[in-house]
Every structure is written in structure tokens, then in C-alpha cells.
Protein backbone atom coordinates (compact mmCIF):
# COMPACT_ATOMS: atom_id res chain seq x y z
CA MET A 1 -1.78 13.16 -22.88
CA SER A 2 -4.75 14.31 -20.80
CA SER A 3 -4.78 17.90 -19.50
CA THR A 4 -7.04 16.83 -16.61
CA ARG A 5 -5.37 17.50 -13.34
CA VAL A 6 -6.04 15.03 -10.38
CA VAL A 7 -5.72 15.74 -6.79
CA VAL A 8 -6.01 13.90 -3.40
CA THR A 9 -8.91 15.09 -1.41
CA GLY A 10 -9.32 12.37 1.28
CA LEU A 11 -7.07 9.82 3.22
CA GLY A 12 -7.84 6.82 5.18
CA THR A 13 -5.97 3.92 6.59
CA THR A 14 -5.83 1.12 9.34
CA SER A 15 -2.49 -0.26 9.87
CA PRO A 16 -0.23 -2.11 12.16
CA VAL A 17 0.77 1.08 13.70
CA GLY A 18 -2.40 2.91 13.97
CA GLY A 19 -6.16 2.73 13.38
CA ASP A 20 -6.30 5.90 11.31
CA VAL A 21 -4.16 8.45 9.37
CA VAL A 22 -3.35 10.58 12.40
CA SER A 23 -2.36 7.75 14.55
CA THR A 24 -0.52 5.87 11.88
CA TRP A 25 1.46 8.96 10.79
CA GLU A 26 2.47 9.95 14.27
CA ALA A 27 3.63 6.45 14.87
CA MET A 28 5.67 6.46 11.60
CA LEU A 29 7.45 9.77 12.57
CA LYS A 30 8.20 8.43 15.98
CA GLY A 31 9.78 5.18 14.41
CA GLU A 32 7.28 2.79 16.16
CA SER A 33 7.17 -0.82 15.11
CA GLY A 34 3.90 -2.70 14.68
CA VAL A 35 5.49 -6.14 14.47
CA ARG A 36 4.47 -8.52 17.24
CA ARG A 37 4.84 -12.08 18.22
CA LEU A 38 2.04 -14.46 17.28
CA GLU A 39 -0.07 -15.68 20.25
CA GLU A 40 -2.36 -17.87 18.19
CA ASP A 41 -1.97 -21.61 18.81
CA TRP A 42 -1.24 -22.40 15.18
CA GLY A 43 1.89 -20.31 15.34
CA ASP A 44 3.55 -22.59 17.82
CA ASP A 45 5.33 -24.93 15.46
CA PHE A 46 6.07 -22.30 12.76
CA PRO A 47 9.48 -21.37 11.77
CA VAL A 48 8.15 -17.78 11.65
CA LYS A 49 6.23 -16.68 14.72
CA ILE A 50 5.89 -12.81 14.11
CA ALA A 51 3.59 -10.66 11.99
CA ALA A 52 2.38 -7.12 11.94
CA THR A 53 -1.34 -7.23 12.77
CA ALA A 54 -3.79 -4.33 12.42
CA LYS A 55 -3.15 -2.01 15.50
CA VAL A 56 -7.01 -1.53 15.94
CA ASP A 57 -9.13 -4.58 15.06
CA PRO A 58 -11.92 -3.79 12.52
CA SER A 59 -14.51 -5.31 14.82
CA GLN A 60 -14.03 -2.21 17.05
CA VAL A 61 -15.02 0.05 14.40
CA LEU A 62 -17.61 -1.67 12.16
CA ASP A 63 -21.20 -2.64 12.97
CA ARG A 64 -21.02 -6.20 14.37
CA VAL A 65 -23.69 -7.68 12.11
CA LYS A 66 -22.17 -5.96 8.95
CA ALA A 67 -18.65 -7.18 9.74
CA ARG A 68 -19.72 -10.78 10.02
CA ARG A 69 -20.65 -10.59 6.26
CA LEU A 70 -17.19 -9.42 5.30
CA ASP A 71 -13.91 -11.22 5.08
CA ARG A 72 -11.20 -9.55 7.11
CA SER A 73 -9.64 -8.00 3.86
CA SER A 74 -12.84 -6.32 3.15
CA GLN A 75 -13.29 -5.20 6.87
CA LEU A 76 -10.00 -3.54 6.84
CA ALA A 77 -10.93 -1.78 3.55
CA MET A 78 -14.12 -0.61 4.79
CA VAL A 79 -12.53 1.02 7.79
CA ALA A 80 -9.88 2.86 5.73
CA ALA A 81 -12.49 3.85 3.06
CA MET A 82 -14.93 5.18 5.69
CA GLU A 83 -12.30 7.41 7.09
CA ALA A 84 -11.18 8.74 3.56
CA TRP A 85 -14.69 9.29 2.45
CA ALA A 86 -15.44 11.32 5.65
CA ASP A 87 -12.18 13.19 5.24
CA SER A 88 -13.03 14.13 1.69
CA GLY A 89 -16.16 15.98 2.66
CA LEU A 90 -18.00 14.50 -0.31
CA GLY A 91 -20.79 12.88 1.68
CA GLU A 92 -24.38 12.89 0.47
CA GLY A 93 -24.90 14.47 -2.92
CA GLY A 94 -21.15 15.56 -3.22
CA VAL A 95 -20.75 13.69 -6.39
CA GLU A 96 -23.17 12.13 -8.90
CA PRO A 97 -23.04 8.30 -8.34
CA GLU A 98 -22.72 7.88 -12.09
CA ARG A 99 -19.47 9.85 -11.85
CA LEU A 100 -18.07 8.11 -8.71
CA GLY A 101 -15.84 5.02 -9.17
CA VAL A 102 -13.70 2.80 -7.08
CA ALA A 103 -10.34 1.04 -7.60
CA MET A 104 -9.68 -1.09 -4.56
CA ALA A 105 -6.95 -3.70 -4.89
CA SER A 106 -5.97 -6.96 -3.25
CA GLY A 107 -3.16 -9.21 -3.88
CA ILE A 108 -4.61 -12.43 -2.40
CA GLY A 109 -8.37 -11.69 -1.62
CA GLY A 110 -10.57 -13.45 1.05
CA VAL A 111 -8.16 -16.10 2.16
CA HIS A 112 -9.54 -16.22 5.69
CA THR A 113 -13.28 -16.88 4.34
CA LEU A 114 -12.02 -19.45 1.67
CA LEU A 115 -9.81 -21.65 3.97
CA ALA A 116 -12.35 -21.42 6.91
CA ASN A 117 -15.15 -22.67 4.62
CA TYR A 118 -12.95 -25.37 3.16
CA ASP A 119 -12.27 -26.60 6.92
CA THR A 120 -16.14 -26.59 7.44
CA LEU A 121 -16.73 -28.56 4.28
CA ARG A 122 -14.09 -31.19 5.17
CA ASP A 123 -15.36 -31.53 8.90
CA LYS A 124 -18.92 -30.81 8.61
CA GLY A 125 -20.12 -31.33 5.05
CA PHE A 126 -21.31 -29.11 2.40
CA ARG A 127 -24.54 -28.11 4.05
CA ARG A 128 -22.62 -26.02 6.59
CA VAL A 129 -20.66 -24.03 4.07
CA SER A 130 -21.79 -20.38 4.35
CA PRO A 131 -24.05 -19.08 1.50
CA LEU A 132 -22.07 -15.81 1.78
CA ALA A 133 -18.69 -17.60 1.25
CA VAL A 134 -18.33 -16.48 -2.52
CA PRO A 135 -19.45 -12.74 -2.00
CA MET A 136 -17.00 -12.85 0.92
CA LEU A 137 -14.01 -14.39 -0.68
CA MET A 138 -13.93 -13.07 -4.27
CA PRO A 139 -11.07 -10.85 -4.91
CA ASN A 140 -13.40 -7.91 -5.81
CA ALA A 141 -15.28 -8.04 -2.58
CA PRO A 142 -13.43 -5.12 -1.00
CA ALA A 143 -13.90 -2.92 -4.04
CA ALA A 144 -17.52 -3.97 -4.20
CA ASN A 145 -18.26 -3.30 -0.60
CA VAL A 146 -16.60 0.10 -0.70
CA GLY A 147 -18.60 0.83 -3.93
CA LEU A 148 -21.84 0.04 -2.24
CA TYR A 149 -20.88 2.18 0.79
CA VAL A 150 -20.16 5.38 -1.05
CA GLY A 151 -22.89 4.67 -3.77
CA ALA A 152 -20.41 4.25 -6.72
CA ARG A 153 -22.04 3.63 -10.11
CA ALA A 154 -19.07 4.28 -12.42
CA ALA A 155 -16.43 1.63 -12.68
CA VAL A 156 -15.63 -0.52 -9.50
CA ASN A 157 -12.38 -2.24 -10.27
CA THR A 158 -9.99 -4.68 -8.53
CA PRO A 159 -6.40 -4.63 -9.76
CA VAL A 160 -4.52 -7.64 -8.80
CA SER A 161 -0.76 -7.49 -9.15
CA ALA A 162 0.56 -9.14 -5.97
CA CYS A 163 2.56 -6.59 -3.86
CA ALA A 164 2.07 -3.75 -6.35
CA SER A 165 -1.77 -4.10 -6.39
CA GLY A 166 -2.31 -1.10 -3.87
CA ASN A 167 -0.31 1.38 -5.95
CA GLU A 168 -1.80 -0.04 -9.05
CA GLY A 169 -5.19 0.85 -7.61
CA ILE A 170 -4.05 4.45 -7.38
CA ALA A 171 -2.71 4.48 -11.11
CA LEU A 172 -5.93 3.07 -12.21
CA GLY A 173 -8.00 5.76 -10.37
CA PHE A 174 -5.72 8.39 -11.78
CA ASP A 175 -6.29 6.94 -15.27
CA GLN A 176 -10.06 6.74 -14.93
CA LEU A 177 -10.12 10.41 -13.93
CA ARG A 178 -7.91 11.65 -16.79
CA LEU A 179 -10.00 9.51 -19.20
CA GLY A 180 -13.16 11.31 -18.22
CA ARG A 181 -14.91 8.27 -16.97
CA ALA A 182 -15.45 9.64 -13.45
CA ASP A 183 -15.02 12.82 -11.47
CA VAL A 184 -14.17 10.96 -8.20
CA VAL A 185 -12.46 7.64 -7.47
CA VAL A 186 -11.92 6.13 -4.21
CA CYS A 187 -8.90 3.99 -4.54
CA GLY A 188 -6.25 1.91 -2.70
CA GLY A 189 -5.58 -1.56 -1.56
CA THR A 190 -6.25 -3.99 1.34
CA GLU A 191 -4.94 -7.28 2.71
CA ALA A 192 -5.39 -9.65 5.53
CA ALA A 193 -3.25 -12.78 5.01
CA ILE A 194 -2.01 -13.57 8.41
CA HIS A 195 -3.11 -17.12 8.28
CA PRO A 196 -1.22 -20.45 8.58
CA LEU A 197 -1.42 -21.36 4.87
CA PRO A 198 -0.05 -18.07 3.26
CA MET A 199 2.47 -17.70 6.08
CA SER A 200 3.58 -21.35 5.60
CA ALA A 201 3.90 -20.68 1.83
CA PHE A 202 5.91 -17.50 2.09
CA ALA A 203 8.08 -19.22 4.74
CA GLN A 204 8.80 -22.13 2.48
CA MET A 205 9.84 -19.88 -0.37
CA MET A 206 12.29 -18.30 2.05
CA ALA A 207 10.56 -14.86 1.69
CA LEU A 208 9.83 -14.29 5.50
CA SER A 209 12.30 -13.47 7.88
CA LYS A 210 13.19 -16.22 10.43
CA ASN A 211 14.74 -13.84 12.89
CA SER A 212 13.85 -15.01 16.27
CA GLY A 213 14.85 -11.80 18.15
CA ASP A 214 12.77 -8.77 19.29
CA PRO A 215 9.89 -8.64 16.86
CA ALA A 216 10.18 -4.86 16.63
CA THR A 217 13.73 -5.14 15.09
CA VAL A 218 13.18 -7.89 12.47
CA SER A 219 11.95 -5.76 9.58
CA ARG A 220 15.24 -4.02 8.53
CA PRO A 221 15.19 -2.79 4.91
CA TRP A 222 18.77 -2.18 3.53
CA ASP A 223 20.58 -3.55 6.61
CA VAL A 224 23.25 -6.09 6.12
CA ALA A 225 21.36 -8.46 8.46
CA ARG A 226 17.96 -8.37 6.57
CA ASP A 227 16.88 -11.91 5.74
CA GLY A 228 13.11 -11.49 4.56
CA PHE A 229 9.98 -9.44 5.09
CA VAL A 230 7.57 -9.58 7.95
CA LEU A 231 3.95 -10.03 6.76
CA GLY A 232 1.49 -7.30 7.72
CA GLU A 233 -2.13 -6.54 7.28
CA GLY A 234 -4.18 -3.43 6.75
CA SER A 235 -5.54 -0.98 4.13
CA GLY A 236 -4.87 2.41 2.71
CA VAL A 237 -7.37 4.60 0.72
CA LEU A 238 -7.16 7.84 -1.23
CA VAL A 239 -10.02 9.89 -2.67
CA LEU A 240 -8.78 11.13 -6.09
CA GLU A 241 -10.76 13.86 -7.67
CA THR A 242 -10.38 16.07 -10.71
CA LEU A 243 -8.98 19.38 -9.76
CA GLU A 244 -11.91 21.07 -11.49
CA HIS A 245 -14.46 19.10 -9.39
CA ALA A 246 -12.46 19.62 -6.10
CA THR A 247 -12.16 23.38 -6.77
CA ALA A 248 -15.70 23.78 -7.60
CA ARG A 249 -16.76 22.40 -4.17
CA GLY A 250 -14.07 24.00 -2.11
CA ALA A 251 -12.37 20.80 -1.20
CA THR A 252 -9.31 20.53 1.03
CA ILE A 253 -6.59 19.25 -1.28
CA TYR A 254 -3.47 17.30 0.15
CA ALA A 255 -1.47 16.83 -3.04
CA GLU A 256 -1.68 16.32 -6.73
CA VAL A 257 -1.09 13.19 -8.66
CA LEU A 258 1.36 14.12 -11.35
CA GLY A 259 2.17 10.79 -13.18
CA ALA A 260 2.03 7.16 -12.98
CA ALA A 261 3.47 4.17 -14.81
CA ILE A 262 3.06 0.38 -14.89
CA THR A 263 5.62 -2.05 -16.20
CA ASN A 264 6.69 -5.73 -15.95
CA ASP A 265 10.12 -7.22 -15.50
CA GLY A 266 9.49 -10.23 -17.69
CA HIS A 267 12.07 -11.88 -15.70
CA ASP A 268 10.79 -14.46 -13.08
CA ILE A 269 7.45 -15.19 -11.29
CA ALA A 270 9.00 -14.39 -7.84
CA GLN A 271 12.42 -12.89 -7.98
CA PRO A 272 12.76 -9.24 -9.21
CA ASP A 273 15.20 -8.66 -12.22
CA PRO A 274 18.50 -7.97 -10.30
CA SER A 275 19.34 -5.18 -12.65
CA GLY A 276 16.14 -3.28 -11.62
CA GLN A 277 15.38 -2.52 -15.33
CA GLY A 278 11.56 -2.99 -15.07
CA GLY A 279 11.23 -0.93 -11.93
CA ALA A 280 13.44 1.79 -13.28
CA ARG A 281 11.23 2.02 -16.36
CA ALA A 282 8.06 2.47 -14.08
CA MET A 283 9.79 5.31 -12.29
CA ALA A 284 11.19 6.92 -15.45
CA GLY A 285 7.74 6.48 -17.15
CA ALA A 286 5.87 8.13 -14.27
CA ILE A 287 8.50 11.05 -14.09
CA LYS A 288 8.08 11.63 -17.85
CA GLU A 289 4.27 11.66 -17.40
CA ALA A 290 4.48 14.11 -14.72
CA ASP A 291 6.60 16.30 -16.96
CA ILE A 292 9.21 16.92 -14.23
CA ALA A 293 12.98 16.73 -13.97
CA PRO A 294 14.47 13.78 -11.90
CA SER A 295 16.09 16.67 -9.65
CA ASP A 296 12.65 17.80 -8.77
CA VAL A 297 12.17 14.70 -6.70
CA ILE A 298 12.74 15.30 -2.95
CA HIS A 299 11.44 12.15 -1.40
CA ILE A 300 10.87 8.44 -2.27
CA ASN A 301 8.71 5.82 -0.14
CA ALA A 302 10.51 2.88 -1.41
CA HIS A 303 9.08 -0.58 -1.78
CA ALA A 304 12.15 -1.94 0.19
CA THR A 305 10.79 -5.00 1.80
CA SER A 306 13.82 -6.18 3.72
CA THR A 307 14.77 -8.96 1.13
CA PRO A 308 18.42 -9.49 0.32
CA GLN A 309 17.97 -9.11 -3.55
CA GLY A 310 14.94 -6.85 -3.74
CA ASP A 311 16.37 -3.98 -1.72
CA ILE A 312 19.72 -3.96 -3.75
CA ALA A 313 17.61 -3.87 -7.10
CA GLU A 314 15.59 -0.98 -5.97
CA GLY A 315 18.77 1.05 -5.20
CA LEU A 316 19.98 0.42 -8.63
CA MET A 317 16.62 1.62 -10.02
CA ILE A 318 16.83 4.81 -8.16
CA HIS A 319 20.41 5.62 -9.32
CA SER A 320 19.55 4.60 -12.97
CA VAL A 321 16.62 7.00 -13.00
CA LEU A 322 17.59 10.03 -10.90
CA GLY A 323 21.31 9.86 -11.94
CA ASP A 324 23.50 12.52 -10.06
CA SER A 325 20.56 13.56 -8.02
CA ALA A 326 19.86 10.22 -6.47
CA THR A 327 21.88 10.75 -3.37
CA ASP A 328 20.07 14.07 -2.81
CA VAL A 329 16.69 12.45 -2.47
CA VAL A 330 15.55 11.50 1.13
CA VAL A 331 14.45 7.68 0.86
CA THR A 332 12.48 5.76 3.48
CA SER A 333 10.91 2.37 3.80
CA THR A 334 7.98 2.50 6.14
CA LYS A 335 7.77 -1.33 6.01
CA SER A 336 10.45 -1.24 8.61
CA MET A 337 7.64 -0.37 10.98
CA THR A 338 4.53 -1.71 9.41
CA GLY A 339 5.80 -4.92 7.82
CA HIS A 340 4.71 -5.86 4.22
CA LEU A 341 0.85 -5.46 3.65
CA LEU A 342 1.17 -7.16 0.26
CA GLY A 343 -1.75 -5.83 -1.66
CA GLY A 344 -2.26 -3.13 0.85
CA ALA A 345 1.46 -2.00 0.99
CA GLY A 346 1.41 0.49 -1.89
CA ALA A 347 -1.87 2.26 -0.74
CA LEU A 348 -0.57 2.50 2.85
CA GLU A 349 2.61 4.08 1.56
CA ALA A 350 0.90 6.45 -0.72
CA VAL A 351 -0.86 7.89 2.27
CA ALA A 352 2.61 8.26 4.03
CA THR A 353 3.95 9.73 0.70
CA VAL A 354 1.20 12.31 0.58
CA MET A 355 1.58 13.25 4.18
CA ALA A 356 5.40 13.53 3.94
CA LEU A 357 4.75 16.06 1.11
CA ARG A 358 2.19 17.93 2.98
CA GLU A 359 4.09 18.20 6.11
CA ARG A 360 7.61 18.24 4.70
CA VAL A 361 8.97 15.43 6.71
CA SER A 362 10.07 11.93 5.97
CA PRO A 363 9.51 9.07 8.52
CA PRO A 364 12.63 7.14 9.42
CA THR A 365 13.69 3.82 8.39
CA ILE A 366 14.12 1.90 11.60
CA ASN A 367 16.41 -1.03 12.36
CA LEU A 368 19.06 0.17 9.91
CA ASP A 369 22.10 -0.48 12.07
CA ASP A 370 24.50 -1.26 9.30
CA LYS A 371 23.53 -0.35 5.94
CA ASP A 372 24.51 -2.60 3.13
CA PRO A 373 27.52 -1.01 1.30
CA GLN A 374 25.75 -1.82 -2.05
CA VAL A 375 23.10 0.84 -1.03
CA ASP A 376 24.29 4.30 -1.95
CA LEU A 377 21.16 6.10 -0.80
CA ASP A 378 20.29 8.88 1.74
CA VAL A 379 18.10 6.70 4.24
CA PRO A 380 17.75 8.53 7.44
CA THR A 381 17.19 6.44 10.64
CA GLU A 382 15.30 9.40 12.30
CA ARG A 383 12.58 11.69 10.94
CA ARG A 384 14.02 14.12 8.42
CA ASP A 385 12.73 17.60 7.46
CA LEU A 386 12.29 17.97 3.68
CA ARG A 387 13.00 21.17 1.75
CA GLY A 388 10.18 23.70 1.09
CA GLY A 389 8.70 25.15 -2.13
CA ASP A 390 7.24 23.11 -4.94
CA ALA A 391 8.07 19.38 -4.11
CA VAL A 392 7.64 16.11 -5.74
CA ALA A 393 7.82 12.50 -4.18
CA ILE A 394 7.61 8.98 -5.74
CA ASN A 395 5.86 5.93 -4.21
CA ASN A 396 7.34 2.60 -5.50
CA SER A 397 5.74 -0.70 -5.58
CA PHE A 398 6.89 -4.01 -6.94
CA GLY A 399 5.32 -7.48 -6.90
CA PHE A 400 5.48 -11.12 -7.73
CA GLY A 401 4.98 -11.77 -11.44
CA GLY A 402 7.35 -8.77 -12.18
CA ALA A 403 4.91 -6.21 -11.49
CA ASN A 404 6.17 -2.52 -11.12
CA VAL A 405 4.22 0.55 -10.22
CA ALA A 406 5.36 3.99 -9.66
CA VAL A 407 3.27 7.00 -8.62
CA VAL A 408 4.42 10.67 -8.63
CA PHE A 409 2.82 13.08 -6.23
CA GLY A 410 3.35 16.66 -6.07
CA SER A 411 2.76 19.46 -3.55
CA ILE A 412 -0.09 21.97 -4.26
């Protein structure tokens, strides 16, 4: 096992509840929902008419000409990466380009660009298809564009593991640093899939909530009335750095990455293993790598998407791994406010996990009016202070294909 210590020195996000880290974090602590009713014409006949769109449109942040050359997924990634990069203080000359990497994930990629150009091909012919379509729609476009922005010349990677992608990007960045392949890695995830086709597909497989009530109340992890997730969009980015490099330049350090693990259920292409064994192995593996005791964990940002089976499976995982201390841990699902960002979810939730450790406060899980009796966890419905001293938190992510990722963060 590598002795290299890895720390978080920059944070960035754009989410359904805020356009940056400060506004997103404040909204989460207040329990504000970013879910809204769709106003687009294509939503009129859909069984699902709600989604969690980005609070601040990327067109308000990015240069107009540059934005037109990016799919929306890349636009969101760039907004978050620009904030994280500025926050890190690295800037010009802060790291050798050959020692700077990127691990920026996406679960679906440039779906808006792909489908818009197909419509153009069908309606107007091949000569009207954009010559920029491929570099805009390719899954590694967000990573590539972030890499160009920061000047990265080490590995620029794109993990793709459905809804676990963002957290896997962080795990990959962590590994790159411990393997000595970089001194700094800009990592995270992004997604922009609020579009008729993916929404239709998710609805047809009964994954999305069809609740027609107040949009703000529909995403309800662990509640007996939950009936599916709400699709969201956005991005989360962390700048990871070796402790040695960060200390040498006097960087501000938010937290330390103590461990990470990636496993697979080997059960089903879409449904999680109902026993939660795959996710439990990821959590246990991350805890082992972090060299901590289960009782050291004070907080978990759960994957909990508001699906009937997945939420129960995660509760089983937590009990399996933490044992007697499971009910002492403050657990939250920020998806109750942001909806599910798919490939961007784990990264946004990693930002929230780091902020929770830094400020020693957990965001609430909103809309938890009647907790499922099968869920024996401490899930506060109001913000909750966390205990002081050295502390450890876990960020969980699970995805289609059976993907499981757990990342352990520690205070520093």
C-alpha cells in the first residue's frame, strides 16, 4: 500500500440548488429543493413532468462562443472545474503540466449533441451535421476540455460506470496520485441528460418517480411513499493533491482522502443486489484501505436515490459494514434536494461530504415524512451538528451494471 497521502485542496460545483459551492452548501443546509416542473413543450405528454435543472445556467458563466462548442455536460463540468481550480490556488505555474492530471467522469456523455445532430441529419441531411459533433458528444469531452483549461499533460481519464461514475473519478484520481503518476489531479463528474429520450427511457423502466404533487416533495429517500428518483443535472469537481505538494506551496486543505474501493455486484444490469453485498464490500474495502475502525465513521452521504429496492439495500450495507456503530452514524441523502445527477451525483455528494467534515454539520434529508421501518439508520430531517475531534466520513455511489464505489474522507 502506498504511503503517499492525498488531500483535497479545491472544490467546485454547479447544481440544481446553487451555482457554486457556497450557494449549493447553504441551500443543502437549509433543506431547499432544486426540483421543478418542466416547462418545455416536449414535457407536456410525458408521464414524468419534473426534473432538477441547474440553478444557474452555464451560459451565464461561460464565454458565449466557447460554450457553443461544448455539449451541456461539458459546460457544467467547465463551470465546476473553473471554480475548483481557482479555489485550489494553483493557477499559473502552480504545478508542472506533466504532473497534472484529470479524471472527469460522465455516465451518459454528450446526449444533447448526439440527439440534436441526429435530428438535423434526419430533417436537413448530412451536410448540416455539425463538424464539432464528435468532439462535443464523445464521453471524454468533459475531461478533455477540463484538461485543456488547466493545462494537464499527465493522464486525462473518463471513468464511466453509470451513477457511480463521479465517485469513481475521485477514486481514480486518488490512485493516480498514490501511484506517483501525478502531483495534482482535477477529478469529479458531470451529467446533463434532462432530454426527452433519456427521460422516456428511465420512465419506461419505472426508475423515475411519477408523483404528480409538489415537485419539491417528490424526491424522498427512505420514505415509505418513495416511488423512484428525480433526474437532475450538474457537476462536482475536487482538486486532489499529494500532501507533500500541497504543504510545499502552503495550500489550504479541506480534508484528506483516506481510502477508496470499487466493486461490482455481478447480479443484474439494472437492479442492485438486494442483499447489498457488493456495496458492502466497497465500503469495507475503503475502510480497510483507510486503516480506520468502523466506529471512527461519523457521517455518510448515502447514494439513496429514492427507489424502493436501492434504499433498503444501502441500509443493509451500512449495518453489515459498521455493525453496532451503524446507528451512531449521521446519514444523509442530499439527492432529496438535488435529484439524481447520474454520473455527476457522486462528485457533487463528495463536495457535500467534504464540507460536512470541514464544518462538522450534516445536511438534512428532506421529504422524509414516514421512514420505511426496514431502514434502521439515523437520518435527520433537519441539519445536524457532527461531533468534533478527528473525524471520518464516507461517500457512497452505486450504478447500473452493478458498479459500487465508496470513498473515505478524513478531517485534517
